[in-house]
Protein backbone atom coordinates (compact mmCIF):
# COMPACT_ATOMS: atom_id res chain seq x y z
CA MET A 1 22.18 13.49 -16.94
CA PRO A 2 20.27 10.24 -16.21
CA LYS A 3 20.92 8.63 -12.72
CA LEU A 4 21.39 5.12 -14.25
CA GLU A 5 22.02 4.10 -17.90
CA ILE A 6 21.62 0.83 -19.28
CA GLU A 7 22.78 0.14 -22.86
CA GLY A 8 22.12 -3.40 -25.16
CA LEU A 9 22.45 -5.42 -21.62
CA ARG A 10 22.55 -9.23 -22.27
CA VAL A 11 22.48 -11.95 -19.95
CA THR A 12 23.15 -15.81 -21.03
CA LEU A 13 22.50 -18.70 -18.77
CA GLY A 14 24.40 -21.65 -20.71
CA LYS A 15 22.60 -21.11 -24.06
CA THR A 16 19.60 -19.61 -22.61
CA PRO A 17 19.06 -15.78 -22.97
CA ILE A 18 17.71 -14.01 -20.05
CA LEU A 19 18.24 -10.74 -20.72
CA GLN A 20 18.36 -9.79 -24.84
CA GLY A 21 19.65 -6.55 -25.36
CA VAL A 22 17.87 -4.37 -22.60
CA SER A 23 18.31 -0.40 -23.14
CA THR A 24 16.53 2.13 -20.81
CA SER A 25 17.42 5.15 -18.51
CA PHE A 26 16.41 5.88 -15.03
CA GLU A 27 16.16 9.91 -14.02
CA GLU A 28 17.13 11.23 -10.78
CA GLY A 29 14.51 10.95 -8.19
CA GLU A 30 12.48 8.59 -10.14
CA ILE A 31 10.67 5.52 -8.83
CA VAL A 32 10.90 2.78 -11.65
CA VAL A 33 9.13 -0.52 -11.37
CA LEU A 34 10.29 -3.37 -13.07
CA LEU A 35 7.03 -5.21 -13.80
CA GLY A 36 6.64 -8.62 -15.29
CA PRO A 37 5.64 -12.52 -15.03
CA SER A 38 7.92 -14.92 -13.43
CA GLY A 39 10.85 -15.45 -15.82
CA CYS A 40 10.74 -12.38 -17.77
CA GLY A 41 14.26 -10.97 -16.57
CA LYS A 42 13.16 -8.39 -14.10
CA THR A 43 15.37 -9.65 -11.10
CA THR A 44 18.28 -10.77 -13.27
CA LEU A 45 18.05 -7.06 -14.57
CA LEU A 46 18.19 -5.75 -11.08
CA ARG A 47 20.95 -8.21 -10.00
CA SER A 48 22.96 -6.84 -12.98
CA ILE A 49 22.66 -3.31 -12.03
CA ALA A 50 23.73 -4.50 -8.35
CA GLY A 51 26.63 -6.47 -9.77
CA LEU A 52 25.30 -9.70 -8.37
CA GLU A 53 24.91 -10.96 -11.75
CA HIS A 54 27.48 -10.80 -14.33
CA PRO A 55 26.05 -9.81 -17.96
CA THR A 56 27.30 -11.55 -21.20
CA SER A 57 27.49 -7.91 -22.99
CA GLY A 58 26.26 -3.99 -22.58
CA ARG A 59 27.06 -1.44 -20.53
CA ILE A 60 25.65 0.24 -16.97
CA VAL A 61 26.22 3.74 -15.86
CA ILE A 62 25.49 4.54 -12.50
CA ASP A 63 25.56 8.36 -11.49
CA GLY A 64 28.07 8.96 -14.14
CA VAL A 65 30.46 6.24 -13.17
CA THR A 66 30.74 3.46 -15.78
CA VAL A 67 30.26 0.28 -13.56
CA TYR A 68 30.28 -2.33 -16.34
CA ASP A 69 31.30 -2.15 -19.71
CA SER A 70 31.65 -5.44 -21.78
CA PRO A 71 34.14 -3.85 -24.65
CA ARG A 72 36.23 -2.33 -22.03
CA GLY A 73 36.58 -4.69 -19.48
CA ILE A 74 34.65 -2.79 -16.85
CA ASP A 75 32.84 -5.01 -14.36
CA LEU A 76 33.05 -3.30 -10.58
CA PRO A 77 32.14 -5.60 -7.87
CA SER A 78 28.86 -4.84 -5.94
CA GLU A 79 30.59 -3.32 -2.86
CA ARG A 80 32.13 -0.58 -5.07
CA ARG A 81 28.92 0.56 -6.85
CA ASN A 82 27.41 2.13 -3.64
CA LEU A 83 23.80 0.83 -4.15
CA GLY A 84 21.09 0.37 -1.41
CA LEU A 85 19.72 -3.24 -1.65
CA VAL A 86 16.28 -4.45 -0.30
CA PHE A 87 16.18 -8.08 -0.49
CA GLN A 88 12.59 -10.16 -0.54
CA SER A 89 13.82 -12.04 2.92
CA TYR A 90 15.05 -8.48 4.72
CA ALA A 91 18.32 -10.43 5.16
CA LEU A 92 18.63 -8.56 8.70
CA TRP A 93 21.38 -9.83 11.25
CA PRO A 94 19.29 -11.80 14.05
CA HIS A 95 22.01 -11.13 16.67
CA LYS A 96 22.16 -7.62 16.15
CA THR A 97 19.74 -4.79 17.54
CA VAL A 98 17.69 -2.34 15.00
CA PHE A 99 20.25 0.16 15.66
CA GLU A 100 23.01 -2.30 14.86
CA ASN A 101 21.62 -3.29 11.91
CA VAL A 102 20.76 0.10 10.22
CA ALA A 103 24.49 1.18 11.65
CA TYR A 104 26.31 -1.67 9.58
CA ALA A 105 26.41 -0.07 6.13
CA LEU A 106 27.57 3.49 7.83
CA ARG A 107 30.48 1.58 9.75
CA LEU A 108 31.56 0.20 6.50
CA ARG A 109 31.80 3.46 5.34
CA ARG A 110 34.09 4.41 8.53
CA MET A 111 31.64 7.12 9.53
CA SER A 112 32.44 8.63 13.34
CA GLU A 113 30.24 7.50 15.87
CA ALA A 114 28.52 10.81 16.19
CA GLN A 115 27.56 10.74 12.54
CA ILE A 116 26.65 6.97 12.98
CA ARG A 117 24.02 7.91 15.62
CA THR A 118 22.64 10.83 13.91
CA GLY A 119 21.90 8.93 10.50
CA VAL A 120 20.41 6.16 12.48
CA ASP A 121 18.40 8.12 14.51
CA GLU A 122 17.30 10.10 11.78
CA VAL A 123 16.22 7.33 9.45
CA LEU A 124 14.58 5.32 12.24
CA ALA A 125 12.58 8.11 13.03
CA GLY A 126 11.63 8.60 9.19
CA ILE A 127 10.30 5.36 8.95
CA GLY A 128 8.31 5.63 12.21
CA LEU A 129 10.65 3.05 14.23
CA ASP A 130 12.12 5.68 16.41
CA GLY A 131 12.18 4.16 20.00
CA MET A 132 12.82 0.63 18.93
CA ALA A 133 16.47 1.07 18.23
CA GLY A 134 17.26 -1.64 20.95
CA ARG A 135 14.82 -4.28 19.68
CA TYR A 136 16.32 -7.45 17.61
CA PRO A 137 14.77 -8.60 14.71
CA HIS A 138 12.63 -11.69 16.32
CA GLN A 139 10.83 -8.80 18.36
CA LEU A 140 9.57 -7.32 15.65
CA SER A 141 6.65 -7.82 13.18
CA GLY A 142 7.15 -8.47 9.55
CA GLY A 143 6.10 -5.08 8.51
CA GLN A 144 8.42 -3.42 11.22
CA GLN A 145 11.38 -5.89 9.89
CA GLN A 146 10.74 -4.77 6.18
CA ARG A 147 11.03 -0.97 7.50
CA VAL A 148 14.43 -1.79 9.38
CA ALA A 149 15.82 -3.34 6.09
CA LEU A 150 14.89 -0.35 3.99
CA ALA A 151 16.11 2.05 6.51
CA ARG A 152 19.54 0.06 6.41
CA SER A 153 19.74 0.78 2.68
CA MET A 154 18.94 4.28 2.98
CA ALA A 155 20.97 5.20 5.63
CA TYR A 156 24.07 6.47 3.67
CA SER A 157 21.84 8.17 0.77
CA PRO A 158 22.92 5.61 -1.80
CA PRO A 159 22.57 7.08 -5.37
CA VAL A 160 20.01 4.53 -6.53
CA LEU A 161 17.84 2.10 -4.21
CA LEU A 162 17.15 -1.47 -5.51
CA LEU A 163 14.36 -3.26 -4.09
CA ASP A 164 13.67 -6.95 -5.02
CA GLU A 165 10.04 -7.66 -3.91
CA PRO A 166 10.50 -6.23 -0.60
CA LEU A 167 6.67 -6.59 0.06
CA SER A 168 5.85 -10.12 -0.90
CA ASN A 169 6.47 -11.54 2.67
CA LEU A 170 3.76 -9.24 4.02
CA ASP A 171 0.07 -9.88 4.32
CA ALA A 172 -2.64 -8.34 2.30
CA LYS A 173 -3.27 -5.81 4.54
CA LEU A 174 0.12 -5.08 5.61
CA ARG A 175 1.09 -5.02 1.86
CA GLU A 176 -1.84 -2.05 0.89
CA ASP A 177 0.00 0.14 3.63
CA ALA A 178 3.25 -0.49 2.66
CA ARG A 179 2.86 0.65 -0.97
CA ILE A 180 1.65 4.06 0.73
CA TRP A 181 4.70 4.84 3.15
CA ILE A 182 7.15 3.22 1.21
CA ARG A 183 6.60 5.39 -1.70
CA SER A 184 6.16 8.50 0.43
CA LEU A 185 9.66 7.71 2.37
CA ILE A 186 11.89 7.37 -0.77
CA LYS A 187 10.38 10.75 -2.28
CA SER A 188 11.05 12.51 0.89
CA ARG A 189 14.54 11.36 0.98
CA GLY A 190 14.83 12.32 -3.10
CA LEU A 191 16.24 9.00 -4.01
CA SER A 192 15.95 7.27 -7.23
CA ALA A 193 14.62 3.75 -6.86
CA ILE A 194 14.06 0.59 -8.99
CA PHE A 195 11.60 -1.47 -7.43
CA VAL A 196 11.18 -5.47 -8.80
CA THR A 197 7.48 -6.78 -8.41
CA HIS A 198 5.25 -9.07 -10.46
CA ASP A 199 2.26 -7.46 -8.97
CA GLN A 200 0.24 -4.95 -10.99
CA VAL A 201 -1.61 -3.29 -8.46
CA GLU A 202 1.60 -2.76 -6.44
CA ALA A 203 3.46 -1.47 -9.25
CA MET A 204 0.86 1.09 -10.35
CA ALA A 205 0.43 2.54 -6.72
CA ILE A 206 4.52 2.81 -6.41
CA ALA A 207 5.95 3.79 -9.78
CA ASP A 208 6.57 7.13 -11.26
CA ARG A 209 7.36 4.82 -14.42
CA ILE A 210 6.61 1.19 -15.13
CA VAL A 211 9.06 -0.73 -17.55
CA LEU A 212 6.92 -3.94 -18.28
CA MET A 213 9.26 -6.86 -19.32
CA ASP A 214 8.55 -10.36 -21.32
CA ALA A 215 10.81 -12.89 -22.44
CA GLY A 216 14.01 -10.84 -21.72
CA GLN A 217 13.10 -7.59 -23.35
CA ILE A 218 11.14 -4.69 -22.44
CA ALA A 219 7.43 -4.82 -23.88
CA GLN A 220 6.34 -1.18 -22.86
CA SER A 221 7.58 1.74 -20.66
CA GLY A 222 5.70 4.54 -19.28
CA SER A 223 3.47 5.85 -16.68
CA PRO A 224 0.94 3.80 -14.82
CA GLU A 225 -1.75 5.81 -16.77
CA GLU A 226 -0.09 5.06 -20.03
CA LEU A 227 0.39 1.17 -19.30
CA TYR A 228 -3.08 0.84 -18.25
CA GLY A 229 -4.91 3.30 -20.61
CA GLN A 230 -2.69 2.59 -23.77
CA PRO A 231 -1.35 -0.66 -23.86
CA ALA A 232 1.38 -1.17 -26.74
CA SER A 233 0.71 -4.67 -27.50
CA LEU A 234 -1.61 -7.68 -26.30
CA PHE A 235 0.89 -8.99 -23.85
CA ALA A 236 0.74 -5.46 -22.27
CA ALA A 237 -2.93 -5.06 -22.28
CA GLU A 238 -3.52 -8.63 -21.01
CA PHE A 239 -1.09 -8.29 -18.05
CA MET A 240 -2.46 -4.71 -16.84
CA GLY A 241 -5.78 -4.92 -15.31
CA ALA A 242 -8.97 -7.39 -15.22
CA ASN A 243 -9.71 -7.95 -18.93
CA ASN A 244 -12.29 -9.18 -21.31
CA HIS A 245 -11.23 -11.16 -24.09
CA LEU A 246 -13.23 -11.50 -27.15
CA ARG A 247 -12.15 -13.38 -30.40
CA THR A 248 -13.36 -11.17 -33.19
CA ILE A 249 -12.71 -10.53 -37.00
CA ILE A 250 -12.43 -6.92 -38.69
CA ALA A 251 -15.80 -6.49 -40.46
CA ASP A 252 -14.60 -3.18 -41.87
CA SER A 253 -12.26 -0.25 -41.06
CA GLY A 254 -11.76 3.28 -42.23
CA LEU A 255 -11.82 6.74 -40.75
CA GLY A 256 -9.80 5.78 -37.60
CA GLU A 257 -12.43 3.45 -36.74
CA ILE A 258 -12.58 -0.27 -37.12
CA VAL A 259 -15.76 -2.61 -36.69
CA LEU A 260 -15.01 -5.78 -34.92
CA ALA A 261 -17.76 -8.75 -35.32
CA PHE A 262 -18.34 -11.60 -32.88
CA GLY A 263 -21.12 -14.23 -33.20
CA ASP A 264 -24.16 -11.88 -34.33
CA GLN A 265 -22.92 -9.14 -32.05
CA SER A 266 -20.51 -6.09 -33.39
CA LEU A 267 -18.02 -3.83 -31.72
CA LYS A 268 -16.83 -0.19 -33.09
CA ALA A 269 -13.14 0.34 -31.75
CA ARG A 270 -10.83 3.76 -32.32
CA GLY A 271 -7.35 3.53 -32.38
CA ALA A 272 -3.83 3.21 -34.42
CA ARG A 273 -5.12 -0.07 -35.75
CA ALA A 274 -7.75 1.24 -38.01
CA GLU A 275 -5.26 0.02 -41.00
CA GLU A 276 -5.55 -3.51 -40.49
CA PRO A 277 -7.38 -5.26 -43.53
CA SER A 278 -11.08 -6.69 -43.33
CA ALA A 279 -11.47 -10.15 -42.39
CA SER A 280 -8.15 -10.19 -39.96
CA THR A 281 -8.89 -12.37 -37.12
CA GLY A 282 -7.50 -11.04 -33.31
CA VAL A 283 -8.38 -10.30 -29.92
CA ALA A 284 -10.68 -7.51 -28.56
CA VAL A 285 -9.13 -6.63 -25.00
CA ILE A 286 -11.92 -4.76 -22.96
CA ARG A 287 -11.18 -3.78 -19.21
CA VAL A 288 -13.67 -5.22 -17.02
CA GLU A 289 -14.73 -1.98 -15.39
CA ALA A 290 -15.71 -0.52 -18.89
CA VAL A 291 -18.33 -2.72 -19.45
CA GLY A 292 -21.54 -0.82 -18.15
CA SER A 293 -25.20 -1.29 -17.96
CA GLY A 294 -27.77 1.33 -17.86
CA PRO A 295 -28.14 4.37 -20.05
CA PRO A 296 -25.12 4.56 -22.75
CA ALA A 297 -23.44 7.62 -23.87
CA SER A 298 -24.36 8.71 -27.31
CA ASP A 299 -21.14 6.77 -28.82
CA ASP A 300 -21.06 3.83 -27.19
CA ASN A 301 -21.27 0.28 -28.46
CA VAL A 302 -24.42 -1.46 -27.35
CA VAL A 303 -24.38 -5.22 -27.20
CA GLN A 304 -27.09 -7.76 -26.09
CA ALA A 305 -26.10 -10.23 -23.30
CA SER A 306 -27.65 -12.64 -21.15
CA LEU A 307 -26.91 -13.17 -17.38
CA GLU A 308 -24.95 -16.41 -16.88
CA THR A 309 -23.74 -16.04 -12.90
CA ALA A 310 -22.69 -13.44 -10.63
CA VAL A 311 -20.47 -13.51 -7.74
CA TYR A 312 -20.42 -10.64 -4.47
CA LEU A 313 -17.03 -9.13 -3.93
CA GLY A 314 -17.68 -6.79 -1.28
CA GLY A 315 -19.12 -3.52 -2.53
CA LYS A 316 -19.48 -4.58 -5.85
CA TRP A 317 -20.98 -7.52 -7.74
CA GLU A 318 -18.97 -9.28 -10.78
CA ALA A 319 -21.23 -10.53 -13.56
CA VAL A 320 -20.62 -13.19 -16.24
CA TYR A 321 -22.78 -12.51 -19.32
CA VAL A 322 -22.76 -14.55 -22.53
CA CYS A 323 -22.40 -12.44 -25.50
CA GLY A 324 -22.19 -13.53 -29.04
CA GLY A 325 -21.38 -16.97 -27.92
CA GLN A 326 -18.55 -15.66 -25.75
CA ARG A 327 -18.13 -14.54 -22.21
CA LEU A 328 -18.04 -10.72 -21.05
CA ARG A 329 -17.70 -9.75 -17.51
CA ALA A 330 -18.68 -6.60 -15.92
CA PHE A 331 -19.28 -4.88 -12.31
CA SER A 332 -21.92 -3.33 -11.12
CA ALA A 333 -23.09 -2.10 -7.71
CA GLN A 334 -26.29 -3.87 -7.41
CA ARG A 335 -26.83 -7.43 -7.87
CA PRO A 336 -27.62 -8.09 -11.72
CA GLN A 337 -31.29 -9.72 -12.37
CA GLU A 338 -31.62 -12.73 -14.44
CA GLY A 339 -32.12 -12.38 -18.09
CA CYS A 340 -31.18 -10.26 -21.17
CA HIS A 341 -29.09 -7.21 -20.36
CA ALA A 342 -27.93 -4.29 -23.12
CA LEU A 343 -24.42 -3.60 -21.96
CA HIS A 344 -22.63 -0.64 -23.24
CA ILE A 345 -19.06 -0.03 -23.92
CA PRO A 346 -17.26 2.80 -24.93
CA ARG A 347 -15.34 2.68 -28.37
CA ASP A 348 -12.15 4.23 -26.83
CA ALA A 349 -12.11 0.94 -24.38
CA VAL A 350 -12.07 -1.48 -27.03
CA TRP A 351 -8.50 -2.43 -28.05
CA PHE A 352 -8.03 -4.67 -30.96
CA PHE A 353 -4.98 -6.99 -31.38
CA PRO A 354 -4.26 -9.11 -34.48
CA ASP A 355 -3.61 -12.77 -34.16
CA PRO A 356 -0.03 -13.38 -33.22
CA SER A 357 0.37 -15.65 -36.20
CA GLN A 358 -0.15 -12.74 -38.32
CA PRO A 359 2.44 -10.81 -39.94
CA SER A 360 0.82 -7.49 -38.84
CA GLN A 361 1.33 -8.20 -35.02
CA PRO A 362 3.21 -5.57 -33.83
CA SER A 363 6.55 -5.69 -32.11
CA HIS A 364 7.65 -4.73 -28.52
CA PRO A 365 8.20 -0.73 -29.13
CA SER A 366 11.62 0.52 -27.77
CA THR A 367 11.85 2.62 -24.33
CA ARG A 368 13.43 5.70 -23.82
């Protein structure tokens, strides 16, 4: 049985739809990241699960218990859903010690002092804050405060842990470190977690599964590898990774392959869109790291391009080339030389998506 089930969830603000019939499920022990741009509905979905937002219709089941069902008139308040919540602002009591902040949720559940002491000590040791129980929030760094907020939400082993952009207040280096330990900590305690972020790198580092949202709907759901390597739509392809976008026309198609033309250049692409008719216009999306120089593989595309500029990123260069009248970016270990270059691109790294105005544009796929 899934740990959390959502069926046909809709949220409307006035006449504006925020969630448009979202249906998905979350398995026990799974870390799911809700990913998407600002305004896509990911935080509204999280708040609806928590009972902080009141949906218009749909159904939510947590650990086998129906907490929201519009036809049956069920809408349990947040405190009865027994969920762990970690907010962007940490929401720590400034006048309480680390120990008392973490113990708060246990006291609400009327646990004995011995149980509270054991539970708090255990969770603080697990997040590397043992010895800091007597400190106050203002005596902690931002990263330590974030750990306390996480410890407080995990102390009573909730069925589902909800995290709303908990790393956004940390500086870049702390965020990199936090991605590692936060995933390890959740996994070590066997918790199910839903994590909201708009940062794709953070999502791929933390998630077992990513639910990519767009305009109140699920655009694609799958493992980080699936979303990055097998985008189901132009939106999914553009949102994940650093990309090249080439306006192209299908010059030929057949036998599971299409030939794309742009300027005086052409690209061969493999994939499910080989059925697109010739002369269809659209966008070819190519990950920047897929574009290489030097000897190509036997079945690689090779295009001719002239160097426009290059910038040093620390450990690698990012070069901008002009190719077929359009710009094409690529990474290289060495500074690229001025002049013309033969760039190679694997066929499997070229994804074609029809112009959105064409009727052949695919709709967002459903999720499991």
